[in-house]
């Protein structure tokens, strides 16, 4: 057509009418020539071009190709065509199949609000600039397999009634699928997104495939509805995957390697398993209607079709473990955690923490260690919740010193909890640990609960004084070294008192007394033990090996609730009575502390 004479071209165009089939394979179109062709096919009723079967395979459009509002009543072939300028298929209607396989678009390609009634093929298409499919309608299958999108690509509000295949496609710029609806299968396997990808508000009514997908930017699935998806991933994201307010209707497995994964207000209406790597996970206000397992994947995800593993070069240098940041607003009755770092997790606001299942190697925040400035012992390490760190920093007299010791500074959005609220968190988590037969970690949470009760000014003073004494003597029955130290000190004091004042000067021996009577009369004899005589003289003279051995025997007998049977002075008798009450208690506290650490 481009090489016809003016008269022949005019005659050809005059023979065309709306709905006529056209065959312009390999034709070179400039804007004026294309406009002449579309003008000849324009429907006088609608004022828009109406084309029957259209064959534009390997055609080249040197300028802007304006097919806006055109209707193709037959099949449309644009395979291998090249579009050098901006191309407008805005509002175009394809009643048959539409084939653009292998086409190249150098300028902006606009298919907004276009409708495709048959199968659509954009496989292998090269989009060098922006491409717009916003609010487009695909009634048949839509294939964008191995297409290349170099600019901004938008499918916002698009409707896919059949199978939508984007497998192997490459998006160099940002990609938007916000509000799109996929009624059939949605295949995004092995798609590469170099920019941000936004699927916010999209709905997937059938199965969906994101196996092997890589996101160099953010992957945003906010408000997405997955109705039949059984497997999402494995996918790799160099930044964050946002699943806020998303809904999963069926049992699903998610496999994600990303820096951050946000599931705020996400709802799981069935069972789910989340296998994650590298991620900092946010479960704020998430809804778990059925059991959900969150676990760390220790090894890279395997490829689905080829041997090997998914590349994670964008995440190299990071720890592959998963860190949970918050459970605020979550009903944890159906939640199970496996190999998760909970050292920075905020539990405040969660309910049913006593039913939370913590398995595998889950770590919590720990207390700073070091020597006490007021007491002659070293603070031991124990597991804590991060809320205790925040409370101690907020109530510290010397803020800089508290932070320097290792207590974590609370973020600005962290709620300011009272000691009673932190104690409640410890109590519920302790119950969860005990149900999981994890007695040692449960003991740490009991310690934290008692600590918060001791600092709770709303409790009676007598209770707080008793807790303080319990803490000082044995660390709430959990510090064997402290209890044994007090026991040793008490025994040493008792031995010293016995040596100096408790043992008599000499062991009193029995004496027999009587009176002489006449021959033949009965003799009356009385045997009695004299009262012990208090030792006298310098104190240094009372410290002898013999008195030490006797004092040690008295003290050891008193520890095991036995009387020594030794004659003692009044001071010694009361000292023994006191030691028989106090020292067995200290021994019992030490045994209790050891038991709490080795109990299964």
Protein backbone atom coordinates (compact mmCIF):
# COMPACT_ATOMS: atom_id res chain seq x y z
CA UNK A 1 0.00 0.00 0.00
CA UNK A 2 2.88 2.37 0.73
CA UNK A 3 4.15 1.95 -2.85
CA UNK A 4 0.87 2.43 -4.68
CA UNK A 5 0.33 5.44 -6.83
CA UNK A 6 -1.99 8.11 -5.54
CA UNK A 7 -4.77 6.99 -7.87
CA UNK A 8 -4.42 3.31 -7.00
CA UNK A 9 -4.28 4.07 -3.27
CA UNK A 10 -7.39 6.21 -3.52
CA UNK A 11 -9.19 3.46 -5.43
CA UNK A 12 -8.15 0.87 -2.84
CA UNK A 13 -9.30 2.99 0.09
CA UNK A 14 -12.58 3.78 -1.62
CA UNK A 15 -13.28 0.05 -1.89
CA UNK A 16 -13.00 -0.40 1.88
CA UNK A 17 -15.98 -0.20 4.19
CA UNK A 18 -16.44 -0.63 7.96
CA UNK A 19 -15.85 -4.25 8.97
CA UNK A 20 -13.72 -5.13 5.93
CA UNK A 21 -10.88 -7.59 6.39
CA UNK A 22 -7.49 -6.07 5.73
CA UNK A 23 -4.12 -7.69 5.05
CA UNK A 24 -1.11 -5.41 5.41
CA UNK A 25 1.59 -7.81 6.44
CA UNK A 26 5.01 -6.23 6.17
CA UNK A 27 3.58 -2.84 5.22
CA UNK A 28 5.37 0.32 6.28
CA UNK A 29 2.98 2.86 7.72
CA UNK A 30 3.62 6.49 8.40
CA UNK A 31 1.01 8.40 10.41
CA UNK A 32 -0.77 9.91 7.38
CA UNK A 33 -1.07 6.57 5.61
CA UNK A 34 -2.44 4.86 8.71
CA UNK A 35 -4.90 7.69 9.21
CA UNK A 36 -6.12 7.31 5.65
CA UNK A 37 -6.65 3.58 6.16
CA UNK A 38 -8.54 4.01 9.42
CA UNK A 39 -10.64 6.82 7.93
CA UNK A 40 -11.75 4.47 5.17
CA UNK A 41 -12.84 1.91 7.78
CA UNK A 42 -14.56 4.38 10.10
CA UNK A 43 -18.13 3.48 11.04
CA UNK A 44 -20.33 6.51 10.40
CA UNK A 45 -22.63 5.54 13.27
CA UNK A 46 -19.99 5.34 16.03
CA UNK A 47 -17.41 7.52 14.35
CA UNK A 48 -14.70 4.94 15.19
CA UNK A 49 -12.74 2.57 12.91
CA UNK A 50 -14.32 -0.83 12.48
CA UNK A 51 -12.00 -3.50 11.13
CA UNK A 52 -12.77 -7.12 10.38
CA UNK A 53 -9.91 -9.59 10.38
CA UNK A 54 -6.71 -7.56 10.49
CA UNK A 55 -3.29 -8.83 9.48
CA UNK A 56 -0.46 -6.45 10.37
CA UNK A 57 2.24 -9.04 10.95
CA UNK A 58 5.75 -7.65 10.51
CA UNK A 59 4.26 -4.26 9.67
CA UNK A 60 6.22 -1.20 10.76
CA UNK A 61 4.67 1.99 12.10
CA UNK A 62 7.23 4.80 11.87
CA UNK A 63 5.22 7.42 13.74
CA UNK A 64 2.39 7.34 16.21
CA UNK A 65 -0.04 4.49 15.58
CA UNK A 66 -3.46 5.72 16.66
CA UNK A 67 -5.83 2.75 16.91
CA UNK A 68 -7.76 4.34 19.77
CA UNK A 69 -11.40 3.21 20.07
CA UNK A 70 -10.97 0.96 17.02
CA UNK A 71 -12.90 -2.29 16.96
CA UNK A 72 -11.58 -5.51 15.43
CA UNK A 73 -14.48 -7.86 14.75
CA UNK A 74 -12.21 -10.65 13.51
CA UNK A 75 -8.80 -11.88 14.58
CA UNK A 76 -6.06 -9.28 14.79
CA UNK A 77 -2.46 -10.19 14.00
CA UNK A 78 0.33 -7.80 14.92
CA UNK A 79 3.01 -10.45 15.41
CA UNK A 80 6.50 -9.14 14.74
CA UNK A 81 5.22 -5.63 14.06
CA UNK A 82 7.38 -2.68 15.06
CA UNK A 83 5.99 0.53 16.53
CA UNK A 84 8.48 3.40 16.50
CA UNK A 85 6.33 6.13 18.03
CA UNK A 86 3.63 6.26 20.66
CA UNK A 87 0.90 3.74 20.03
CA UNK A 88 -2.64 4.25 21.17
CA UNK A 89 -4.98 1.27 21.36
CA UNK A 90 -6.86 3.13 24.08
CA UNK A 91 -10.37 1.75 24.30
CA UNK A 92 -9.83 -0.59 21.36
CA UNK A 93 -12.07 -3.62 21.10
CA UNK A 94 -10.77 -7.01 19.92
CA UNK A 95 -13.68 -9.40 19.38
CA UNK A 96 -11.47 -12.20 18.09
CA UNK A 97 -8.01 -13.34 19.00
CA UNK A 98 -5.32 -10.68 19.25
CA UNK A 99 -1.73 -11.62 18.56
CA UNK A 100 1.18 -9.27 19.24
CA UNK A 101 3.83 -11.95 19.74
CA UNK A 102 7.34 -10.71 18.98
CA UNK A 103 6.21 -7.13 18.38
CA UNK A 104 8.36 -4.22 19.51
CA UNK A 105 7.11 -0.92 20.92
CA UNK A 106 9.70 1.86 21.03
CA UNK A 107 7.36 4.50 22.40
CA UNK A 108 4.53 4.43 24.88
CA UNK A 109 2.05 1.63 24.26
CA UNK A 110 -1.44 2.49 25.50
CA UNK A 111 -4.03 -0.30 25.75
CA UNK A 112 -6.01 1.32 28.54
CA UNK A 113 -9.67 0.27 28.71
CA UNK A 114 -9.13 -2.00 25.71
CA UNK A 115 -11.25 -5.15 25.62
CA UNK A 116 -9.97 -8.49 24.35
CA UNK A 117 -12.76 -11.01 23.86
CA UNK A 118 -10.62 -13.82 22.50
CA UNK A 119 -7.20 -15.10 23.36
CA UNK A 120 -4.51 -12.44 23.54
CA UNK A 121 -0.84 -13.08 22.91
CA UNK A 122 1.87 -10.60 23.85
CA UNK A 123 4.51 -13.26 24.34
CA UNK A 124 8.02 -12.10 23.54
CA UNK A 125 6.95 -8.50 23.04
CA UNK A 126 9.50 -5.76 23.69
CA UNK A 127 8.15 -2.58 25.31
CA UNK A 128 10.97 -0.03 25.25
CA UNK A 129 8.94 2.65 27.03
CA UNK A 130 5.85 2.83 29.20
CA UNK A 131 2.98 0.45 28.59
CA UNK A 132 -0.55 0.99 29.83
CA UNK A 133 -3.18 -1.70 30.19
CA UNK A 134 -5.15 0.04 32.91
CA UNK A 135 -8.77 -1.15 33.10
CA UNK A 136 -8.25 -3.40 30.10
CA UNK A 137 -10.52 -6.42 29.84
CA UNK A 138 -9.22 -9.86 28.78
CA UNK A 139 -12.10 -12.32 28.31
CA UNK A 140 -9.91 -15.10 26.94
CA UNK A 141 -6.44 -16.22 27.80
CA UNK A 142 -3.81 -13.48 27.99
CA UNK A 143 -0.18 -14.37 27.39
CA UNK A 144 2.72 -12.01 28.12
CA UNK A 145 5.27 -14.78 28.43
CA UNK A 146 8.93 -13.63 28.17
CA UNK A 147 7.89 -10.09 27.27
CA UNK A 148 10.19 -7.23 28.18
CA UNK A 149 8.84 -4.08 29.84
CA UNK A 150 11.54 -1.41 29.92
CA UNK A 151 9.43 1.47 31.21
CA UNK A 152 6.56 1.84 33.59
CA UNK A 153 3.98 -0.92 33.10
CA UNK A 154 0.48 -0.57 34.46
CA UNK A 155 -2.27 -3.16 34.48
CA UNK A 156 -4.21 -1.34 37.17
CA UNK A 157 -7.86 -2.32 37.21
CA UNK A 158 -7.40 -4.80 34.38
CA UNK A 159 -9.70 -7.81 34.25
CA UNK A 160 -8.40 -11.25 33.23
CA UNK A 161 -11.20 -13.78 32.78
CA UNK A 162 -9.02 -16.57 31.39
CA UNK A 163 -5.51 -17.67 32.15
CA UNK A 164 -3.05 -14.80 32.49
CA UNK A 165 0.52 -15.85 31.76
CA UNK A 166 3.44 -13.54 32.51
CA UNK A 167 5.99 -16.33 33.00
CA UNK A 168 9.53 -15.24 32.20
CA UNK A 169 8.56 -11.60 31.66
CA UNK A 170 11.04 -8.88 32.60
CA UNK A 171 9.95 -5.55 34.10
CA UNK A 172 12.78 -3.01 34.11
CA UNK A 173 10.67 -0.22 35.58
CA UNK A 174 7.86 -0.15 38.09
CA UNK A 175 4.94 -2.49 37.49
CA UNK A 176 1.40 -1.85 38.67
CA UNK A 177 -1.34 -4.47 38.90
CA UNK A 178 -3.36 -2.62 41.52
CA UNK A 179 -7.05 -3.50 41.49
CA UNK A 180 -6.61 -6.09 38.74
CA UNK A 181 -8.85 -9.15 38.87
CA UNK A 182 -7.66 -12.59 37.78
CA UNK A 183 -10.59 -14.98 37.38
CA UNK A 184 -8.47 -17.75 35.86
CA UNK A 185 -4.98 -18.97 36.59
CA UNK A 186 -2.39 -16.24 37.07
CA UNK A 187 1.10 -17.35 36.16
CA UNK A 188 3.96 -15.07 37.22
CA UNK A 189 6.62 -17.77 37.48
CA UNK A 190 10.18 -16.61 36.85
CA UNK A 191 9.13 -12.99 36.33
CA UNK A 192 11.80 -10.41 37.14
CA UNK A 193 10.81 -7.03 38.59
CA UNK A 194 13.68 -4.55 38.63
CA UNK A 195 11.56 -1.76 40.08
CA UNK A 196 8.68 -1.75 42.52
CA UNK A 197 5.75 -4.07 41.87
CA UNK A 198 2.34 -3.09 43.18
CA UNK A 199 -0.55 -5.59 43.31
CA UNK A 200 -2.58 -3.66 45.88
CA UNK A 201 -6.26 -4.52 45.83
CA UNK A 202 -5.89 -7.23 43.18
CA UNK A 203 -7.94 -10.41 43.42
CA UNK A 204 -6.87 -13.92 42.41
CA UNK A 205 -9.91 -16.16 42.11
CA UNK A 206 -8.02 -19.25 40.91
CA UNK A 207 -4.54 -20.62 41.40
CA UNK A 208 -1.60 -18.26 41.26
CA UNK A 209 2.05 -18.94 40.58
CA UNK A 210 4.92 -16.78 41.80
CA UNK A 211 7.60 -19.47 41.72
CA UNK A 212 11.09 -18.15 41.11
CA UNK A 213 9.98 -14.50 41.00
CA UNK A 214 12.63 -11.91 41.85
CA UNK A 215 11.86 -8.38 43.08
CA UNK A 216 14.68 -5.84 43.14
CA UNK A 217 12.39 -3.24 44.71
CA UNK A 218 9.33 -3.50 46.93
CA UNK A 219 6.65 -6.11 46.31
CA UNK A 220 3.32 -4.67 47.48
CA UNK A 221 0.36 -7.02 47.86
CA UNK A 222 -1.71 -4.81 50.18
CA UNK A 223 -5.36 -5.81 50.21
CA UNK A 224 -4.86 -8.65 47.72
CA UNK A 225 -7.43 -11.42 47.91
CA UNK A 226 -6.16 -14.98 47.29
CA UNK A 227 -9.23 -17.20 47.02
CA UNK A 228 -7.74 -20.46 45.70
CA UNK A 229 -4.00 -19.96 45.97
CA UNK A 230 -2.32 -22.98 47.54
CA UNK A 231 1.29 -21.93 47.04
CA UNK A 232 2.86 -18.48 46.74
CA UNK A 233 6.57 -18.50 45.93
CA UNK A 234 9.30 -19.24 46.38
CA UNK A 235 10.17 -15.64 45.61
CA UNK A 236 13.12 -13.40 46.42
CA UNK A 237 12.73 -9.70 47.22
CA UNK A 238 15.69 -7.41 47.89
CA UNK A 239 13.55 -5.01 49.91
CA UNK A 240 10.16 -5.62 51.48
CA UNK A 241 7.12 -7.75 50.72
CA UNK A 242 3.93 -6.08 51.93
CA UNK A 243 0.92 -8.33 52.53
CA UNK A 244 -1.03 -5.89 54.69
CA UNK A 245 -4.81 -6.50 54.74
CA UNK A 246 -4.41 -9.41 52.31
CA UNK A 247 -6.83 -12.34 52.58
CA UNK A 248 -5.98 -16.03 52.10
CA UNK A 249 -9.14 -18.12 51.79
CA UNK A 250 -7.63 -21.61 51.32
CA UNK A 251 -4.73 -23.53 52.90
CA UNK A 252 -1.60 -21.89 51.57
CA UNK A 253 2.18 -22.12 51.78
CA UNK A 254 4.21 -18.94 51.42
CA UNK A 255 7.93 -19.12 50.64
CA UNK A 256 9.60 -15.73 50.76
CA UNK A 257 13.18 -14.49 51.05
CA UNK A 258 13.14 -10.74 51.73
CA UNK A 259 14.53 -8.07 54.02
CA UNK A 260 11.10 -7.29 55.43
CA UNK A 261 7.72 -8.99 55.30
CA UNK A 262 4.72 -7.04 56.56
CA UNK A 263 1.49 -8.89 57.36
CA UNK A 264 -0.34 -6.17 59.27
CA UNK A 265 -4.07 -6.99 59.46
CA UNK A 266 -3.58 -9.93 57.09
CA UNK A 267 -6.30 -12.55 57.45
CA UNK A 268 -5.79 -16.29 57.10
CA UNK A 269 -9.19 -17.96 56.76
CA UNK A 270 -7.58 -21.41 56.65
CA UNK A 271 -4.34 -23.10 57.64
CA UNK A 272 -1.10 -21.58 56.40
CA UNK A 273 2.64 -22.16 56.52
CA UNK A 274 5.10 -19.28 56.13
CA UNK A 275 8.65 -20.31 55.26
CA UNK A 276 10.79 -17.18 55.40
CA UNK A 277 14.43 -16.17 55.05
CA UNK A 278 16.26 -12.98 56.07
CA UNK A 279 13.00 -11.24 56.90
CA UNK A 280 11.93 -8.93 59.67
CA UNK A 281 8.30 -9.98 60.06
CA UNK A 282 5.46 -7.72 61.19
CA UNK A 283 2.27 -9.53 62.29
CA UNK A 284 0.51 -6.54 63.82
CA UNK A 285 -3.27 -7.11 64.06
CA UNK A 286 -3.09 -10.22 61.87
CA UNK A 287 -6.06 -12.60 62.06
CA UNK A 288 -5.48 -16.35 62.40
CA UNK A 289 -8.69 -18.33 62.10
CA UNK A 290 -6.85 -21.66 61.79
CA UNK A 291 -3.36 -22.87 62.77
CA UNK A 292 -0.60 -20.89 61.11
CA UNK A 293 3.08 -21.84 61.28
CA UNK A 294 5.85 -19.27 60.83
CA UNK A 295 9.25 -20.91 60.39
CA UNK A 296 12.74 -19.96 59.29
CA UNK A 297 13.95 -21.68 56.16
CA UNK A 298 17.57 -22.67 56.94
CA UNK A 299 18.63 -23.27 53.32
CA UNK A 300 17.92 -21.39 50.06
CA UNK A 301 14.75 -22.24 48.19
CA UNK A 302 15.20 -24.71 45.32
CA UNK A 303 14.32 -23.89 41.74
CA UNK A 304 11.01 -25.34 40.62
CA UNK A 305 11.96 -26.51 37.12
CA UNK A 306 15.75 -26.52 37.00
CA UNK A 307 18.34 -27.92 39.39
CA UNK A 308 19.95 -25.56 41.87
CA UNK A 309 18.64 -22.91 44.20
CA UNK A 310 17.15 -19.44 43.77
CA UNK A 311 19.83 -16.73 43.64
CA UNK A 312 19.87 -14.44 46.67
CA UNK A 313 22.68 -12.08 45.67
CA UNK A 314 20.68 -9.02 46.70
CA UNK A 315 20.42 -10.39 50.25
CA UNK A 316 23.99 -11.59 50.62
CA UNK A 317 25.71 -10.55 53.82
CA UNK A 318 22.51 -10.69 55.87
CA UNK A 319 21.65 -13.26 58.50
CA UNK A 320 19.19 -15.76 57.01
CA UNK A 321 17.20 -15.96 60.23
CA UNK A 322 13.73 -14.44 60.68
CA UNK A 323 13.07 -11.69 63.23
CA UNK A 324 9.54 -11.06 64.48
CA UNK A 325 8.97 -7.38 65.27
CA UNK A 326 5.48 -7.32 66.82
CA UNK A 327 2.47 -9.42 67.73
CA UNK A 328 0.36 -6.48 68.88
CA UNK A 329 -3.36 -7.04 68.39
CA UNK A 330 -2.94 -10.71 67.48
CA UNK A 331 -4.92 -13.63 68.87
CA UNK A 332 -2.01 -16.04 69.23
CA UNK A 333 -4.11 -19.12 69.99
CA UNK A 334 -3.51 -20.56 66.49
CA UNK A 335 0.02 -19.26 65.94
CA UNK A 336 3.13 -21.45 66.03
CA UNK A 337 6.68 -20.10 65.75
CA UNK A 338 9.69 -22.21 64.79
CA UNK A 339 13.30 -20.99 64.83
CA UNK A 340 12.29 -17.32 65.07
CA UNK A 341 14.29 -14.50 66.64
CA UNK A 342 11.99 -12.90 69.22
CA UNK A 343 14.60 -10.66 70.81
CA UNK A 344 12.95 -7.51 69.44
CA UNK A 345 9.35 -8.73 69.35
CA UNK A 346 6.73 -6.60 71.09
CA UNK A 347 4.09 -8.80 72.68
CA UNK A 348 1.99 -6.01 74.19
CA UNK A 349 -1.57 -6.05 72.91
CA UNK A 350 -1.59 -9.72 71.93
CA UNK A 351 -4.11 -12.09 73.52
CA UNK A 352 -3.91 -15.81 74.32
CA UNK A 353 -0.12 -15.70 74.52
CA UNK A 354 -0.40 -18.65 76.89
CA UNK A 355 -1.49 -20.71 73.86
CA UNK A 356 1.31 -19.49 71.60
CA UNK A 357 3.48 -22.40 70.44
CA UNK A 358 7.19 -21.64 70.48
CA UNK A 359 9.23 -24.52 69.05
CA UNK A 360 12.71 -25.05 67.75
CA UNK A 361 15.43 -22.50 68.31
CA UNK A 362 13.51 -19.34 69.22
CA UNK A 363 15.56 -16.64 70.94
CA UNK A 364 14.40 -13.85 73.23
CA UNK A 365 15.98 -10.63 74.41
CA UNK A 366 18.45 -11.10 77.26
CA UNK A 367 19.42 -8.98 80.22
CA UNK A 368 22.75 -7.19 80.42
CA UNK A 369 25.37 -8.89 82.57
CA UNK A 370 27.90 -7.38 84.96
CA UNK A 371 28.65 -6.80 88.60
CA UNK A 372 26.09 -5.05 90.76
CA UNK A 373 27.19 -1.78 92.31
CA UNK A 374 25.08 -2.31 95.43
CA UNK A 375 25.37 -6.05 95.96
CA UNK A 376 28.43 -8.32 95.82
CA UNK A 377 27.26 -10.54 93.00
CA UNK A 378 27.20 -10.65 89.25
CA UNK A 379 23.96 -10.26 87.31
CA UNK A 380 23.27 -13.46 85.42
CA UNK A 381 21.85 -13.61 81.91
CA UNK A 382 18.19 -14.51 81.45
CA UNK A 383 15.59 -14.39 78.70
CA UNK A 384 13.26 -11.42 78.75
CA UNK A 385 10.58 -9.73 76.70
CA UNK A 386 11.56 -6.48 75.02
CA UNK A 387 8.89 -4.66 77.03
CA UNK A 388 11.00 -5.08 80.18
CA UNK A 389 13.93 -3.42 78.39
CA UNK A 390 11.71 -0.50 77.44
CA UNK A 391 10.37 -0.18 80.99
CA UNK A 392 13.84 -0.18 82.55
CA UNK A 393 15.08 2.50 80.17
CA UNK A 394 12.05 4.70 80.84
CA UNK A 395 12.37 4.35 84.63
CA UNK A 396 16.17 4.48 84.87
CA UNK A 397 17.65 7.18 87.07
CA UNK A 398 20.68 7.37 84.79
CA UNK A 399 19.39 6.92 81.24
CA UNK A 400 22.81 6.93 79.58
CA UNK A 401 24.11 4.30 81.98
CA UNK A 402 21.07 2.07 81.42
CA UNK A 403 21.57 2.22 77.66
CA UNK A 404 25.31 1.68 78.01
CA UNK A 405 24.70 -1.44 80.08
CA UNK A 406 22.68 -2.97 77.25
CA UNK A 407 19.02 -2.17 77.89
CA UNK A 408 17.18 -1.47 74.63
CA UNK A 409 15.80 2.01 73.99
CA UNK A 410 12.05 1.93 73.19
CA UNK A 411 10.94 3.22 69.77
CA UNK A 412 8.64 6.21 69.66
CA UNK A 413 5.54 4.18 68.87
CA UNK A 414 6.12 1.66 71.69
CA UNK A 415 3.37 1.84 74.35
CA UNK A 416 4.41 2.79 77.88
CA UNK A 417 3.49 -0.24 79.97
CA UNK A 418 3.14 -0.49 83.73
CA UNK A 419 5.01 -3.27 85.58
CA UNK A 420 1.70 -5.13 86.08
CA UNK A 421 1.16 -5.29 82.30
CA UNK A 422 4.68 -6.61 81.70
CA UNK A 423 4.15 -9.18 84.47
CA UNK A 424 1.00 -10.37 82.67
CA UNK A 425 3.03 -10.88 79.46
CA UNK A 426 5.58 -12.94 81.37
CA UNK A 427 2.85 -15.00 83.02
CA UNK A 428 1.20 -15.92 79.73
CA UNK A 429 4.48 -16.72 77.97
CA UNK A 430 5.58 -18.81 80.94
CA UNK A 431 2.42 -20.89 80.61
CA UNK A 432 3.17 -21.37 76.91
CA UNK A 433 6.70 -22.54 77.70
CA UNK A 434 5.50 -24.92 80.40
CA UNK A 435 2.94 -26.46 78.04
CA UNK A 436 5.77 -26.98 75.57
CA UNK A 437 7.87 -28.75 78.25
CA UNK A 438 10.45 -25.97 78.09
CA UNK A 439 10.99 -25.59 81.81
CA UNK A 440 14.33 -23.69 81.77
CA UNK A 441 12.97 -20.84 79.62
CA UNK A 442 9.72 -20.89 81.58
CA UNK A 443 11.84 -20.32 84.71
CA UNK A 444 13.33 -17.18 83.15
CA UNK A 445 9.86 -15.82 82.50
CA UNK A 446 8.84 -16.61 86.08
CA UNK A 447 11.85 -14.55 87.20
CA UNK A 448 10.75 -11.68 84.96
CA UNK A 449 7.19 -11.89 86.30
CA UNK A 450 8.42 -11.67 89.89
CA UNK A 451 10.70 -8.77 88.98
CA UNK A 452 7.78 -6.80 87.60
CA UNK A 453 5.64 -7.64 90.63
CA UNK A 454 8.43 -6.47 92.91
CA UNK A 455 8.54 -3.10 91.14
CA UNK A 456 4.76 -2.73 90.94
CA UNK A 457 3.91 0.10 93.32
CA UNK A 458 0.21 -0.79 93.24
CA UNK A 459 0.85 -4.00 95.20
CA UNK A 460 0.86 -4.07 99.01
CA UNK A 461 4.14 -3.17 100.65
CA UNK A 462 4.23 -6.44 102.55
CA UNK A 463 4.04 -8.45 99.34
CA UNK A 464 6.75 -6.34 97.74
CA UNK A 465 8.97 -6.70 100.82
CA UNK A 466 8.51 -10.47 100.73
CA UNK A 467 9.38 -10.54 97.03
CA UNK A 468 12.45 -8.42 97.67
CA UNK A 469 13.61 -10.85 100.36
CA UNK A 470 12.87 -13.79 98.06
CA UNK A 471 14.89 -12.09 95.30
CA UNK A 472 17.83 -11.25 97.54
CA UNK A 473 18.12 -14.73 99.06
CA UNK A 474 17.73 -16.93 95.99
CA UNK A 475 16.66 -14.94 92.93
CA UNK A 476 13.05 -16.12 93.35
CA UNK A 477 14.20 -19.68 93.85
CA UNK A 478 16.05 -19.65 90.51
CA UNK A 479 19.61 -18.66 91.45
CA UNK A 480 21.33 -21.61 93.12
CA UNK A 481 24.63 -19.76 93.49
CA UNK A 482 22.96 -16.95 95.42
CA UNK A 483 21.16 -19.35 97.75
CA UNK A 484 24.30 -21.41 98.35
CA UNK A 485 26.28 -18.24 99.03
CA UNK A 486 23.78 -17.19 101.66
CA UNK A 487 23.79 -20.71 103.10
CA UNK A 488 27.57 -20.69 103.33
CA UNK A 489 27.53 -17.26 104.97
CA UNK A 490 24.86 -18.35 107.46
CA UNK A 491 26.80 -21.48 108.33
CA UNK A 492 30.01 -19.49 108.78
CA UNK A 493 28.26 -17.05 111.12
CA UNK A 494 26.69 -19.90 113.08
CA UNK A 495 30.04 -21.65 113.46
CA UNK A 496 31.63 -18.43 114.68
CA UNK A 497 28.86 -17.82 117.22
CA UNK A 498 29.10 -21.38 118.43
CA UNK A 499 32.84 -21.21 118.85
CA UNK A 500 32.77 -17.88 120.68
CA UNK A 501 29.64 -18.12 122.80
CA UNK A 502 27.62 -21.24 122.01
CA UNK A 503 29.84 -24.03 123.30
CA UNK A 504 30.44 -24.23 127.09
CA UNK A 505 33.88 -23.77 128.57
CA UNK A 506 34.09 -27.50 129.32
CA UNK A 507 31.85 -30.37 128.48
CA UNK A 508 29.79 -30.84 131.68
CA UNK A 509 29.99 -34.38 133.01
CA UNK A 510 27.38 -36.12 135.17
CA UNK A 511 28.05 -35.99 138.96
CA UNK A 512 26.66 -38.22 141.70
CA UNK A 513 25.88 -36.86 145.16
CA UNK A 514 24.62 -38.56 148.36
CA UNK A 515 25.10 -38.71 152.15
CA UNK A 516 26.73 -41.14 154.45
CA UNK A 517 24.35 -43.25 156.56
CA UNK A 518 24.68 -45.86 159.30
CA UNK A 519 25.57 -49.44 158.58
CA UNK A 520 22.61 -51.38 157.32
CA UNK A 521 20.64 -48.44 156.02
CA UNK A 522 19.92 -47.75 152.31
CA UNK A 523 22.18 -45.31 150.43
CA UNK A 524 20.46 -42.46 148.52
CA UNK A 525 22.49 -41.17 145.52
CA UNK A 526 21.52 -38.39 143.06
CA UNK A 527 23.11 -38.11 139.58
CA UNK A 528 22.75 -34.81 137.66
CA UNK A 529 24.45 -32.88 134.89
CA UNK A 530 25.45 -29.39 135.85
CA UNK A 531 24.41 -26.40 133.76
CA UNK A 532 26.90 -25.55 130.95
CA UNK A 533 29.29 -22.86 131.94
CA UNK A 534 29.67 -19.97 129.54
CA UNK A 535 33.19 -19.63 128.20
CA UNK A 536 35.29 -16.90 129.63
CA UNK A 537 38.58 -15.34 128.83
CA UNK A 538 39.80 -13.72 125.60
CA UNK A 539 37.91 -14.58 122.39
CA UNK A 540 41.08 -15.71 120.69
CA UNK A 541 41.53 -18.47 123.25
CA UNK A 542 38.13 -19.89 122.36
CA UNK A 543 39.09 -20.46 118.71
CA UNK A 544 40.54 -23.94 118.85
CA UNK A 545 40.41 -26.95 116.55
CA UNK A 546 38.33 -28.90 119.06
CA UNK A 547 35.74 -26.14 119.45
CA UNK A 548 35.65 -25.63 115.66
CA UNK A 549 34.94 -29.34 115.07
CA UNK A 550 32.13 -29.30 117.60
CA UNK A 551 30.66 -26.11 116.14
CA UNK A 552 30.79 -27.55 112.60
CA UNK A 553 28.98 -30.68 113.76
CA UNK A 554 26.26 -28.58 115.38
CA UNK A 555 25.79 -26.49 112.22
CA UNK A 556 25.72 -29.43 109.81
CA UNK A 557 23.13 -31.20 111.95
CA UNK A 558 21.00 -28.06 112.05
CA UNK A 559 20.96 -27.82 108.24
CA UNK A 560 19.25 -31.21 107.97
CA UNK A 561 16.71 -30.57 110.74
CA UNK A 562 18.49 -32.60 113.38
CA UNK A 563 19.51 -31.71 116.87
CA UNK A 564 23.24 -31.99 117.43
CA UNK A 565 22.81 -33.50 120.92
CA UNK A 566 25.60 -31.23 122.11
CA UNK A 567 25.34 -29.45 125.42
CA UNK A 568 25.19 -25.77 124.56
CA UNK A 569 25.03 -22.51 126.38
CA UNK A 570 21.87 -20.44 126.28
CA UNK A 571 23.27 -18.43 123.38
CA UNK A 572 24.21 -21.63 121.59
CA UNK A 573 20.80 -23.18 122.10
CA UNK A 574 18.97 -20.22 120.51
CA UNK A 575 21.54 -20.00 117.74
CA UNK A 576 21.00 -23.68 116.92
CA UNK A 577 17.21 -23.18 116.89
CA UNK A 578 17.58 -20.27 114.49
CA UNK A 579 19.93 -22.14 112.19
CA UNK A 580 17.65 -25.18 112.15
CA UNK A 581 14.94 -22.90 110.74
CA UNK A 582 16.87 -20.65 108.34
CA UNK A 583 19.62 -22.82 106.90
CA UNK A 584 17.41 -25.70 105.66
CA UNK A 585 15.29 -23.10 103.91
CA UNK A 586 18.34 -21.78 102.09
CA UNK A 587 19.38 -25.30 101.19
CA UNK A 588 15.90 -26.00 99.85
CA UNK A 589 15.98 -22.83 97.74
CA UNK A 590 19.30 -23.91 96.22
CA UNK A 591 17.89 -27.36 95.40
CA UNK A 592 14.77 -25.72 93.93
CA UNK A 593 16.91 -23.46 91.72
CA UNK A 594 18.92 -26.39 90.40
CA UNK A 595 15.76 -28.36 89.77
CA UNK A 596 14.23 -25.51 87.75
CA UNK A 597 17.22 -25.54 85.39
CA UNK A 598 17.41 -29.28 84.77
CA UNK A 599 13.73 -30.18 84.83
CA UNK A 600 12.41 -31.51 81.56
